[in-house]
N, C-alpha and C. Protein backbone atom coordinates (compact mmCIF):
# COMPACT_ATOMS: atom_id res chain seq x y z
N MET A 1 17.78 8.13 -20.33
CA MET A 1 16.36 7.99 -20.66
C MET A 1 15.49 7.99 -19.40
N ILE A 2 15.95 7.27 -18.37
CA ILE A 2 15.13 7.17 -17.17
C ILE A 2 15.04 8.54 -16.46
N ILE A 3 16.09 9.33 -16.51
CA ILE A 3 16.05 10.66 -15.91
C ILE A 3 15.12 11.56 -16.72
N LYS A 4 15.13 11.43 -18.04
CA LYS A 4 14.20 12.19 -18.88
C LYS A 4 12.76 11.86 -18.50
N SER A 5 12.49 10.59 -18.26
CA SER A 5 11.14 10.18 -17.87
C SER A 5 10.76 10.79 -16.52
N LEU A 6 11.68 10.77 -15.57
CA LEU A 6 11.42 11.38 -14.26
C LEU A 6 11.13 12.87 -14.43
N ASP A 7 11.96 13.56 -15.19
CA ASP A 7 11.74 14.99 -15.41
C ASP A 7 10.40 15.26 -16.07
N PHE A 8 10.03 14.43 -17.04
CA PHE A 8 8.74 14.59 -17.72
C PHE A 8 7.58 14.44 -16.73
N LEU A 9 7.62 13.37 -15.93
CA LEU A 9 6.54 13.11 -14.99
C LEU A 9 6.45 14.19 -13.91
N SER A 10 7.60 14.59 -13.39
CA SER A 10 7.62 15.54 -12.30
C SER A 10 7.43 16.98 -12.75
N ASP A 11 8.14 17.36 -13.80
CA ASP A 11 8.16 18.77 -14.19
C ASP A 11 7.10 19.12 -15.23
N GLU A 12 6.99 18.32 -16.27
CA GLU A 12 6.05 18.65 -17.33
C GLU A 12 4.61 18.27 -16.97
N LEU A 13 4.43 17.05 -16.45
CA LEU A 13 3.08 16.65 -16.04
C LEU A 13 2.73 17.15 -14.64
N ASP A 14 3.74 17.54 -13.89
CA ASP A 14 3.58 18.06 -12.53
C ASP A 14 2.79 17.11 -11.63
N LEU A 15 3.14 15.82 -11.70
CA LEU A 15 2.47 14.85 -10.84
C LEU A 15 2.72 15.22 -9.37
N PRO A 16 1.70 15.13 -8.54
CA PRO A 16 1.86 15.53 -7.13
C PRO A 16 2.63 14.52 -6.29
N ILE A 17 2.68 13.27 -6.73
CA ILE A 17 3.37 12.19 -6.01
C ILE A 17 4.13 11.37 -7.04
N LEU A 18 5.33 10.94 -6.68
CA LEU A 18 6.14 10.11 -7.58
C LEU A 18 6.31 8.72 -6.97
N LYS A 19 6.35 7.70 -7.82
CA LYS A 19 6.51 6.32 -7.36
C LYS A 19 7.79 5.72 -7.91
N ILE A 20 8.49 5.02 -7.05
CA ILE A 20 9.73 4.34 -7.43
C ILE A 20 9.51 2.84 -7.34
N GLY A 21 9.78 2.13 -8.42
CA GLY A 21 9.64 0.69 -8.44
C GLY A 21 10.73 -0.01 -7.65
N SER A 22 10.45 -1.24 -7.26
CA SER A 22 11.38 -2.02 -6.44
C SER A 22 12.77 -2.16 -7.04
N GLY A 23 12.86 -2.23 -8.35
CA GLY A 23 14.15 -2.42 -9.01
C GLY A 23 15.11 -1.26 -8.84
N GLU A 24 14.63 -0.13 -8.35
CA GLU A 24 15.48 1.05 -8.19
C GLU A 24 15.90 1.31 -6.74
N VAL A 25 15.52 0.44 -5.81
CA VAL A 25 15.81 0.67 -4.39
C VAL A 25 17.29 0.89 -4.13
N THR A 26 18.16 0.22 -4.85
CA THR A 26 19.60 0.37 -4.60
C THR A 26 20.27 1.34 -5.58
N ASN A 27 19.51 2.03 -6.40
CA ASN A 27 20.05 2.99 -7.36
C ASN A 27 20.12 4.37 -6.70
N ILE A 28 21.13 4.57 -5.89
CA ILE A 28 21.23 5.76 -5.04
C ILE A 28 21.26 7.06 -5.85
N PRO A 29 22.03 7.18 -6.93
CA PRO A 29 21.97 8.44 -7.69
C PRO A 29 20.57 8.74 -8.22
N PHE A 30 19.87 7.71 -8.66
CA PHE A 30 18.50 7.88 -9.15
C PHE A 30 17.58 8.31 -8.01
N LEU A 31 17.73 7.71 -6.83
CA LEU A 31 16.91 8.09 -5.68
C LEU A 31 17.15 9.55 -5.30
N ARG A 32 18.40 9.98 -5.38
CA ARG A 32 18.70 11.39 -5.08
C ARG A 32 17.95 12.32 -6.03
N ARG A 33 17.93 11.97 -7.31
CA ARG A 33 17.20 12.79 -8.29
C ARG A 33 15.72 12.87 -7.95
N PHE A 34 15.15 11.74 -7.52
CA PHE A 34 13.75 11.74 -7.10
C PHE A 34 13.55 12.68 -5.91
N GLY A 35 14.41 12.54 -4.90
CA GLY A 35 14.31 13.38 -3.71
C GLY A 35 14.42 14.86 -4.03
N GLU A 36 15.30 15.19 -4.97
CA GLU A 36 15.50 16.59 -5.36
C GLU A 36 14.27 17.21 -6.00
N LYS A 37 13.31 16.40 -6.42
CA LYS A 37 12.06 16.93 -6.99
C LYS A 37 11.16 17.50 -5.89
N LYS A 38 11.50 17.21 -4.63
CA LYS A 38 10.80 17.74 -3.47
C LYS A 38 9.30 17.44 -3.49
N LYS A 39 8.98 16.22 -3.91
CA LYS A 39 7.60 15.76 -3.94
C LYS A 39 7.48 14.50 -3.08
N PRO A 40 6.29 14.24 -2.55
CA PRO A 40 6.10 12.97 -1.83
C PRO A 40 6.42 11.78 -2.73
N ILE A 41 6.98 10.75 -2.13
CA ILE A 41 7.43 9.57 -2.86
C ILE A 41 6.73 8.33 -2.33
N ILE A 42 6.38 7.43 -3.23
CA ILE A 42 5.96 6.08 -2.87
C ILE A 42 7.08 5.15 -3.31
N LEU A 43 7.63 4.41 -2.36
CA LEU A 43 8.78 3.54 -2.60
C LEU A 43 8.38 2.08 -2.45
N SER A 44 8.40 1.33 -3.53
CA SER A 44 8.12 -0.10 -3.48
C SER A 44 9.41 -0.84 -3.12
N THR A 45 9.29 -1.89 -2.30
CA THR A 45 10.49 -2.49 -1.71
C THR A 45 10.66 -3.98 -1.98
N GLY A 46 10.06 -4.49 -3.04
CA GLY A 46 10.27 -5.90 -3.37
C GLY A 46 11.74 -6.18 -3.61
N MET A 47 12.17 -7.38 -3.34
CA MET A 47 13.55 -7.84 -3.55
C MET A 47 14.57 -7.13 -2.66
N SER A 48 14.11 -6.43 -1.62
CA SER A 48 15.03 -5.61 -0.81
C SER A 48 15.13 -6.12 0.62
N SER A 49 16.31 -5.94 1.17
CA SER A 49 16.52 -6.20 2.60
C SER A 49 16.15 -4.94 3.37
N ILE A 50 15.99 -5.07 4.67
CA ILE A 50 15.66 -3.91 5.50
C ILE A 50 16.78 -2.87 5.42
N GLY A 51 18.03 -3.31 5.30
CA GLY A 51 19.15 -2.38 5.18
C GLY A 51 19.10 -1.59 3.88
N GLU A 52 18.72 -2.25 2.80
CA GLU A 52 18.59 -1.54 1.51
C GLU A 52 17.44 -0.55 1.55
N VAL A 53 16.35 -0.93 2.19
CA VAL A 53 15.21 -0.01 2.32
C VAL A 53 15.62 1.20 3.16
N GLU A 54 16.36 0.94 4.23
CA GLU A 54 16.81 2.04 5.10
C GLU A 54 17.66 3.04 4.32
N LYS A 55 18.61 2.55 3.56
CA LYS A 55 19.47 3.44 2.78
C LYS A 55 18.65 4.24 1.77
N ALA A 56 17.72 3.58 1.07
CA ALA A 56 16.87 4.26 0.09
C ALA A 56 15.98 5.30 0.76
N TYR A 57 15.35 4.93 1.85
CA TYR A 57 14.43 5.81 2.57
C TYR A 57 15.13 7.10 3.00
N TYR A 58 16.28 6.94 3.65
CA TYR A 58 16.97 8.14 4.15
C TYR A 58 17.63 8.93 3.02
N THR A 59 18.03 8.28 1.95
CA THR A 59 18.54 9.00 0.78
C THR A 59 17.46 9.92 0.22
N LEU A 60 16.26 9.41 0.10
CA LEU A 60 15.15 10.22 -0.43
C LEU A 60 14.85 11.41 0.48
N LEU A 61 14.76 11.16 1.78
CA LEU A 61 14.47 12.25 2.71
C LEU A 61 15.59 13.29 2.73
N GLU A 62 16.83 12.82 2.79
CA GLU A 62 17.97 13.76 2.84
C GLU A 62 18.13 14.54 1.55
N SER A 63 17.58 14.01 0.44
CA SER A 63 17.68 14.69 -0.85
C SER A 63 16.53 15.67 -1.06
N GLY A 64 15.57 15.70 -0.15
CA GLY A 64 14.51 16.70 -0.26
C GLY A 64 13.09 16.18 -0.32
N ALA A 65 12.87 14.88 -0.40
CA ALA A 65 11.50 14.37 -0.42
C ALA A 65 10.82 14.71 0.91
N PRO A 66 9.65 15.36 0.88
CA PRO A 66 9.00 15.73 2.13
C PRO A 66 8.36 14.55 2.87
N LYS A 67 8.04 13.48 2.14
CA LYS A 67 7.41 12.31 2.74
C LYS A 67 7.70 11.10 1.86
N VAL A 68 7.94 9.96 2.50
CA VAL A 68 8.15 8.70 1.78
C VAL A 68 7.20 7.66 2.34
N THR A 69 6.32 7.16 1.48
CA THR A 69 5.45 6.04 1.83
C THR A 69 6.11 4.78 1.33
N ILE A 70 6.22 3.79 2.21
CA ILE A 70 6.93 2.55 1.87
C ILE A 70 5.92 1.45 1.59
N LEU A 71 6.05 0.83 0.41
CA LEU A 71 5.19 -0.29 0.05
C LEU A 71 5.95 -1.61 0.23
N HIS A 72 5.37 -2.50 1.03
CA HIS A 72 5.89 -3.87 1.08
C HIS A 72 5.48 -4.54 -0.23
N CYS A 73 6.30 -5.45 -0.72
CA CYS A 73 6.04 -6.07 -2.01
C CYS A 73 6.83 -7.37 -2.12
N THR A 74 6.26 -8.33 -2.83
CA THR A 74 6.99 -9.53 -3.24
C THR A 74 7.04 -9.49 -4.75
N SER A 75 8.23 -9.39 -5.30
CA SER A 75 8.40 -9.20 -6.75
C SER A 75 8.42 -10.51 -7.51
N ASN A 76 7.30 -11.19 -7.50
CA ASN A 76 7.04 -12.35 -8.35
C ASN A 76 5.71 -12.11 -9.04
N TYR A 77 5.55 -12.66 -10.23
CA TYR A 77 4.34 -12.41 -11.02
C TYR A 77 3.75 -13.71 -11.54
N PRO A 78 2.80 -14.30 -10.87
CA PRO A 78 2.18 -13.83 -9.63
C PRO A 78 3.00 -14.28 -8.41
N ALA A 79 2.81 -13.57 -7.32
CA ALA A 79 3.45 -13.93 -6.06
C ALA A 79 2.58 -14.97 -5.35
N SER A 80 3.21 -16.01 -4.83
CA SER A 80 2.45 -17.02 -4.09
C SER A 80 2.07 -16.46 -2.72
N LEU A 81 1.00 -16.99 -2.18
CA LEU A 81 0.56 -16.54 -0.85
C LEU A 81 1.64 -16.81 0.20
N GLU A 82 2.35 -17.92 0.04
CA GLU A 82 3.39 -18.27 1.02
C GLU A 82 4.57 -17.31 0.98
N SER A 83 4.74 -16.59 -0.11
CA SER A 83 5.88 -15.68 -0.22
C SER A 83 5.56 -14.24 0.18
N VAL A 84 4.32 -13.97 0.50
CA VAL A 84 3.87 -12.59 0.73
C VAL A 84 4.50 -11.96 1.98
N ASN A 85 4.57 -12.70 3.09
CA ASN A 85 5.15 -12.18 4.33
C ASN A 85 4.55 -10.82 4.69
N LEU A 86 3.22 -10.76 4.73
CA LEU A 86 2.52 -9.50 4.91
C LEU A 86 2.86 -8.79 6.21
N LYS A 87 3.27 -9.53 7.22
CA LYS A 87 3.65 -8.90 8.50
C LYS A 87 4.85 -7.97 8.34
N ALA A 88 5.63 -8.16 7.28
CA ALA A 88 6.78 -7.27 7.05
C ALA A 88 6.33 -5.83 6.81
N MET A 89 5.11 -5.65 6.35
CA MET A 89 4.59 -4.29 6.16
C MET A 89 4.58 -3.54 7.49
N ASN A 90 4.15 -4.22 8.55
CA ASN A 90 4.13 -3.56 9.86
C ASN A 90 5.52 -3.39 10.43
N THR A 91 6.45 -4.27 10.05
CA THR A 91 7.84 -4.06 10.44
C THR A 91 8.36 -2.77 9.83
N LEU A 92 8.07 -2.55 8.56
CA LEU A 92 8.49 -1.31 7.90
C LEU A 92 7.88 -0.09 8.58
N LYS A 93 6.62 -0.19 8.95
CA LYS A 93 5.95 0.93 9.62
C LYS A 93 6.62 1.23 10.96
N SER A 94 6.93 0.19 11.69
CA SER A 94 7.55 0.35 13.00
C SER A 94 8.98 0.89 12.89
N VAL A 95 9.77 0.32 12.01
CA VAL A 95 11.17 0.71 11.88
C VAL A 95 11.32 2.15 11.39
N PHE A 96 10.49 2.54 10.41
CA PHE A 96 10.66 3.85 9.79
C PHE A 96 9.65 4.88 10.26
N ASN A 97 8.70 4.47 11.11
CA ASN A 97 7.65 5.38 11.56
C ASN A 97 7.05 6.13 10.37
N SER A 98 6.74 5.38 9.34
CA SER A 98 6.31 5.93 8.06
C SER A 98 4.94 5.40 7.68
N THR A 99 4.30 6.08 6.77
CA THR A 99 3.11 5.55 6.14
C THR A 99 3.52 4.33 5.31
N VAL A 100 2.72 3.28 5.38
CA VAL A 100 3.06 2.07 4.63
C VAL A 100 1.88 1.63 3.78
N GLY A 101 2.19 0.75 2.84
CA GLY A 101 1.17 0.17 1.99
C GLY A 101 1.66 -1.14 1.44
N TYR A 102 0.92 -1.65 0.45
CA TYR A 102 1.25 -2.94 -0.10
C TYR A 102 1.10 -2.91 -1.61
N SER A 103 2.12 -3.37 -2.31
CA SER A 103 2.09 -3.54 -3.76
C SER A 103 1.81 -5.02 -4.00
N ASP A 104 0.61 -5.32 -4.47
CA ASP A 104 0.11 -6.69 -4.51
C ASP A 104 0.29 -7.32 -5.89
N HIS A 105 1.09 -8.37 -5.93
CA HIS A 105 1.28 -9.13 -7.17
C HIS A 105 0.67 -10.53 -7.07
N THR A 106 -0.16 -10.77 -6.05
CA THR A 106 -0.84 -12.05 -5.93
C THR A 106 -2.07 -12.06 -6.84
N GLU A 107 -2.58 -13.26 -7.09
CA GLU A 107 -3.85 -13.36 -7.80
C GLU A 107 -4.97 -13.16 -6.79
N GLY A 108 -6.04 -12.51 -7.21
CA GLY A 108 -7.17 -12.28 -6.31
C GLY A 108 -7.01 -11.01 -5.51
N ILE A 109 -7.93 -10.81 -4.55
CA ILE A 109 -7.94 -9.57 -3.78
C ILE A 109 -7.70 -9.77 -2.29
N GLU A 110 -7.63 -11.02 -1.83
CA GLU A 110 -7.55 -11.29 -0.40
C GLU A 110 -6.38 -10.60 0.28
N VAL A 111 -5.22 -10.64 -0.34
CA VAL A 111 -4.03 -10.10 0.31
C VAL A 111 -4.11 -8.58 0.40
N SER A 112 -4.62 -7.93 -0.62
CA SER A 112 -4.80 -6.48 -0.54
C SER A 112 -5.76 -6.12 0.59
N LEU A 113 -6.84 -6.88 0.71
CA LEU A 113 -7.81 -6.61 1.78
C LEU A 113 -7.18 -6.83 3.15
N ALA A 114 -6.39 -7.88 3.28
CA ALA A 114 -5.70 -8.14 4.55
C ALA A 114 -4.72 -7.01 4.86
N ALA A 115 -4.04 -6.52 3.85
CA ALA A 115 -3.09 -5.42 4.06
C ALA A 115 -3.81 -4.18 4.59
N VAL A 116 -4.97 -3.88 4.04
CA VAL A 116 -5.75 -2.74 4.53
C VAL A 116 -6.14 -2.96 5.98
N ALA A 117 -6.60 -4.16 6.31
CA ALA A 117 -6.98 -4.47 7.68
C ALA A 117 -5.79 -4.35 8.64
N LEU A 118 -4.58 -4.59 8.12
CA LEU A 118 -3.37 -4.46 8.95
C LEU A 118 -2.81 -3.03 8.98
N GLY A 119 -3.40 -2.11 8.24
CA GLY A 119 -2.96 -0.72 8.33
C GLY A 119 -2.40 -0.11 7.06
N ALA A 120 -2.44 -0.82 5.95
CA ALA A 120 -1.95 -0.23 4.70
C ALA A 120 -2.78 1.00 4.34
N GLU A 121 -2.09 2.07 4.02
CA GLU A 121 -2.77 3.29 3.58
C GLU A 121 -2.71 3.46 2.07
N VAL A 122 -1.90 2.65 1.42
CA VAL A 122 -1.79 2.67 -0.04
C VAL A 122 -1.82 1.22 -0.51
N ILE A 123 -2.62 0.95 -1.53
CA ILE A 123 -2.62 -0.35 -2.19
C ILE A 123 -2.29 -0.12 -3.66
N GLU A 124 -1.32 -0.87 -4.15
CA GLU A 124 -1.01 -0.85 -5.58
C GLU A 124 -1.38 -2.23 -6.12
N LYS A 125 -2.23 -2.25 -7.13
CA LYS A 125 -2.63 -3.51 -7.76
C LYS A 125 -2.74 -3.22 -9.25
N HIS A 126 -2.02 -3.98 -10.04
CA HIS A 126 -2.06 -3.77 -11.49
C HIS A 126 -3.39 -4.23 -12.05
N PHE A 127 -3.81 -3.57 -13.13
CA PHE A 127 -4.97 -4.06 -13.85
C PHE A 127 -4.66 -4.10 -15.33
N THR A 128 -5.41 -4.94 -16.03
CA THR A 128 -5.16 -5.18 -17.44
C THR A 128 -6.49 -5.39 -18.15
N ILE A 129 -6.48 -5.20 -19.44
CA ILE A 129 -7.67 -5.51 -20.22
C ILE A 129 -7.66 -6.96 -20.70
N ASP A 130 -6.49 -7.63 -20.55
CA ASP A 130 -6.38 -9.01 -21.03
C ASP A 130 -5.23 -9.72 -20.31
N ARG A 131 -5.55 -10.69 -19.45
CA ARG A 131 -4.52 -11.44 -18.72
C ARG A 131 -3.63 -12.26 -19.64
N GLY A 132 -4.04 -12.46 -20.88
CA GLY A 132 -3.27 -13.24 -21.83
C GLY A 132 -2.22 -12.44 -22.58
N LEU A 133 -2.14 -11.15 -22.34
CA LEU A 133 -1.15 -10.32 -23.02
C LEU A 133 0.26 -10.70 -22.58
N PRO A 134 1.25 -10.47 -23.44
CA PRO A 134 2.63 -10.79 -23.04
C PRO A 134 3.10 -9.83 -21.95
N GLY A 135 4.07 -10.28 -21.20
CA GLY A 135 4.63 -9.46 -20.13
C GLY A 135 4.48 -10.16 -18.80
N PRO A 136 5.31 -9.77 -17.84
CA PRO A 136 5.38 -10.52 -16.59
C PRO A 136 4.20 -10.34 -15.65
N ASP A 137 3.49 -9.23 -15.73
CA ASP A 137 2.51 -8.99 -14.67
C ASP A 137 1.04 -9.10 -15.08
N HIS A 138 0.75 -9.40 -16.32
CA HIS A 138 -0.66 -9.49 -16.72
C HIS A 138 -1.41 -10.60 -16.00
N LYS A 139 -0.73 -11.73 -15.75
CA LYS A 139 -1.40 -12.85 -15.08
C LYS A 139 -1.83 -12.48 -13.66
N ALA A 140 -1.07 -11.66 -12.98
CA ALA A 140 -1.39 -11.26 -11.60
C ALA A 140 -2.22 -9.98 -11.57
N SER A 141 -2.60 -9.47 -12.71
CA SER A 141 -3.36 -8.22 -12.78
C SER A 141 -4.86 -8.49 -12.72
N MET A 142 -5.60 -7.44 -12.42
CA MET A 142 -7.05 -7.54 -12.32
C MET A 142 -7.70 -6.93 -13.56
N SER A 143 -8.93 -7.35 -13.81
CA SER A 143 -9.72 -6.68 -14.84
C SER A 143 -10.25 -5.38 -14.23
N PRO A 144 -10.67 -4.44 -15.04
CA PRO A 144 -11.25 -3.20 -14.49
C PRO A 144 -12.44 -3.48 -13.57
N VAL A 145 -13.26 -4.47 -13.88
CA VAL A 145 -14.40 -4.81 -13.03
C VAL A 145 -13.92 -5.32 -11.67
N GLU A 146 -12.88 -6.17 -11.68
CA GLU A 146 -12.33 -6.68 -10.42
C GLU A 146 -11.68 -5.56 -9.61
N LEU A 147 -11.05 -4.63 -10.28
CA LEU A 147 -10.43 -3.50 -9.58
C LEU A 147 -11.51 -2.66 -8.88
N LYS A 148 -12.62 -2.44 -9.56
CA LYS A 148 -13.73 -1.71 -8.94
C LYS A 148 -14.22 -2.44 -7.69
N GLU A 149 -14.34 -3.76 -7.77
CA GLU A 149 -14.76 -4.56 -6.62
C GLU A 149 -13.76 -4.43 -5.47
N LEU A 150 -12.48 -4.46 -5.78
CA LEU A 150 -11.45 -4.29 -4.75
C LEU A 150 -11.61 -2.96 -4.04
N VAL A 151 -11.78 -1.91 -4.79
CA VAL A 151 -11.93 -0.57 -4.19
C VAL A 151 -13.17 -0.53 -3.29
N LEU A 152 -14.27 -1.08 -3.75
CA LEU A 152 -15.50 -1.09 -2.93
C LEU A 152 -15.28 -1.85 -1.62
N ARG A 153 -14.60 -3.00 -1.71
CA ARG A 153 -14.35 -3.78 -0.49
C ARG A 153 -13.37 -3.08 0.46
N ILE A 154 -12.39 -2.40 -0.10
CA ILE A 154 -11.47 -1.62 0.74
C ILE A 154 -12.24 -0.53 1.47
N ARG A 155 -13.14 0.15 0.78
CA ARG A 155 -13.95 1.20 1.42
C ARG A 155 -14.79 0.60 2.55
N ASN A 156 -15.31 -0.62 2.38
CA ASN A 156 -16.06 -1.27 3.44
C ASN A 156 -15.17 -1.59 4.64
N ILE A 157 -13.97 -2.04 4.39
CA ILE A 157 -13.04 -2.32 5.49
C ILE A 157 -12.70 -1.04 6.23
N GLU A 158 -12.50 0.04 5.50
CA GLU A 158 -12.23 1.33 6.15
C GLU A 158 -13.38 1.72 7.08
N LYS A 159 -14.62 1.51 6.65
CA LYS A 159 -15.78 1.80 7.51
C LYS A 159 -15.73 0.94 8.77
N ALA A 160 -15.45 -0.35 8.60
CA ALA A 160 -15.41 -1.27 9.73
C ALA A 160 -14.29 -0.93 10.71
N LEU A 161 -13.22 -0.33 10.22
CA LEU A 161 -12.10 0.03 11.08
C LEU A 161 -12.25 1.42 11.71
N SER A 162 -13.28 2.16 11.31
CA SER A 162 -13.47 3.49 11.89
C SER A 162 -14.00 3.34 13.31
N GLY A 163 -13.94 4.39 14.05
CA GLY A 163 -14.41 4.37 15.43
C GLY A 163 -13.27 4.66 16.39
N SER A 164 -13.63 4.76 17.65
CA SER A 164 -12.66 5.17 18.67
C SER A 164 -11.75 4.04 19.13
N GLY A 165 -12.18 2.81 18.96
CA GLY A 165 -11.42 1.68 19.48
C GLY A 165 -11.85 1.30 20.89
N SER A 166 -12.65 2.15 21.53
CA SER A 166 -13.17 1.83 22.86
C SER A 166 -14.29 0.81 22.75
N LYS A 167 -14.37 -0.10 23.71
CA LYS A 167 -15.45 -1.08 23.73
C LYS A 167 -16.63 -0.45 24.44
N ILE A 168 -17.57 0.07 23.65
CA ILE A 168 -18.74 0.75 24.19
C ILE A 168 -19.98 0.26 23.47
N LEU A 169 -21.13 0.48 24.09
CA LEU A 169 -22.41 0.17 23.47
C LEU A 169 -22.60 1.10 22.28
N GLN A 170 -22.84 0.52 21.12
CA GLN A 170 -23.09 1.32 19.93
C GLN A 170 -24.55 1.75 19.90
N PRO A 171 -24.82 2.94 19.40
CA PRO A 171 -26.22 3.39 19.33
C PRO A 171 -27.12 2.38 18.63
N SER A 172 -26.62 1.69 17.63
CA SER A 172 -27.42 0.71 16.90
C SER A 172 -27.72 -0.55 17.73
N GLU A 173 -27.04 -0.72 18.88
CA GLU A 173 -27.24 -1.90 19.71
C GLU A 173 -28.24 -1.69 20.84
N VAL A 174 -28.66 -0.45 21.09
CA VAL A 174 -29.50 -0.14 22.24
C VAL A 174 -30.78 -0.96 22.23
N GLU A 175 -31.50 -0.98 21.14
CA GLU A 175 -32.77 -1.71 21.05
C GLU A 175 -32.54 -3.22 21.19
N THR A 176 -31.48 -3.73 20.56
CA THR A 176 -31.18 -5.16 20.68
C THR A 176 -30.89 -5.53 22.13
N LYS A 177 -30.16 -4.67 22.83
CA LYS A 177 -29.84 -4.95 24.23
C LYS A 177 -31.11 -4.98 25.08
N LYS A 178 -32.02 -4.05 24.82
CA LYS A 178 -33.29 -4.02 25.58
C LYS A 178 -34.05 -5.33 25.39
N ASN A 179 -34.03 -5.85 24.17
CA ASN A 179 -34.82 -7.03 23.86
C ASN A 179 -34.15 -8.35 24.21
N SER A 180 -32.84 -8.36 24.37
CA SER A 180 -32.18 -9.65 24.56
C SER A 180 -31.37 -9.78 25.85
N SER A 181 -31.14 -8.70 26.58
CA SER A 181 -30.35 -8.80 27.79
C SER A 181 -31.16 -9.42 28.91
N LYS A 182 -30.51 -10.28 29.66
CA LYS A 182 -31.16 -10.96 30.79
C LYS A 182 -30.83 -10.26 32.12
N GLY A 183 -29.84 -9.35 32.09
CA GLY A 183 -29.44 -8.66 33.31
C GLY A 183 -30.28 -7.45 33.58
N ASN A 184 -29.90 -6.71 34.60
CA ASN A 184 -30.61 -5.49 34.94
C ASN A 184 -30.32 -4.39 33.96
N LEU A 185 -31.33 -3.73 33.52
CA LEU A 185 -31.18 -2.59 32.61
C LEU A 185 -31.67 -1.34 33.31
N PRO A 186 -30.97 -0.23 33.10
CA PRO A 186 -31.49 1.01 33.67
C PRO A 186 -32.82 1.36 33.03
N LYS A 187 -33.72 1.90 33.81
CA LYS A 187 -35.06 2.29 33.30
C LYS A 187 -35.06 3.71 32.82
C-alpha cells in the first residue's frame, strides 16, 4: 500500500518534491524506492540518531535522488521546548553539507521562527481546522490564520537576514548619523 501511495504521488500527481516522514528513516528498501523516483527529497529525522540519518541520506542519494533536504524534528505531539534541541539542525547542515529545515511539533510559532533565524530553508508546521479533532498532532497544529501569521513573520525574518553581512553605514542611516553623531563628519 505504501509503495502504491508513493507511485501515485510521484508518477500520477507528478509532485516535484517528495517528503519522507521520520518513521521511515530506517526503512532502507522504502528509501531506495524514493531515491529511484529521481526527485528532490525532504527527509524528516525525528526519533533518529546521526548514524541513522547518515544511512538514510546516502541511501537516497545513491538511489538517484538529486537533492536531499534534511529536517530536524522532535517526534512528540506536542514537543516540549526542552526537547527541541534546535542546534541539532545546524549539526545536520554541517555534517551533511545539505539544505536543512525544521519540522515543528511545538505549540506556537517561536521555534519555527528561531529555526529560520538559524538557517532553516524549509519549515514544516501542521495546521488543522480544529485542535480538538482526534489524532496525535492536532493539538500541536496551527489554525489557518495562525499559519498565515507564521508565514508573514518568516518573510520578515528573511528580510532582516538579507544583506552582505558587512558592517557598513546603511543608506537609511545617513540622515540619522548627520543629526546625532558627535564626531567629525565629512562635508
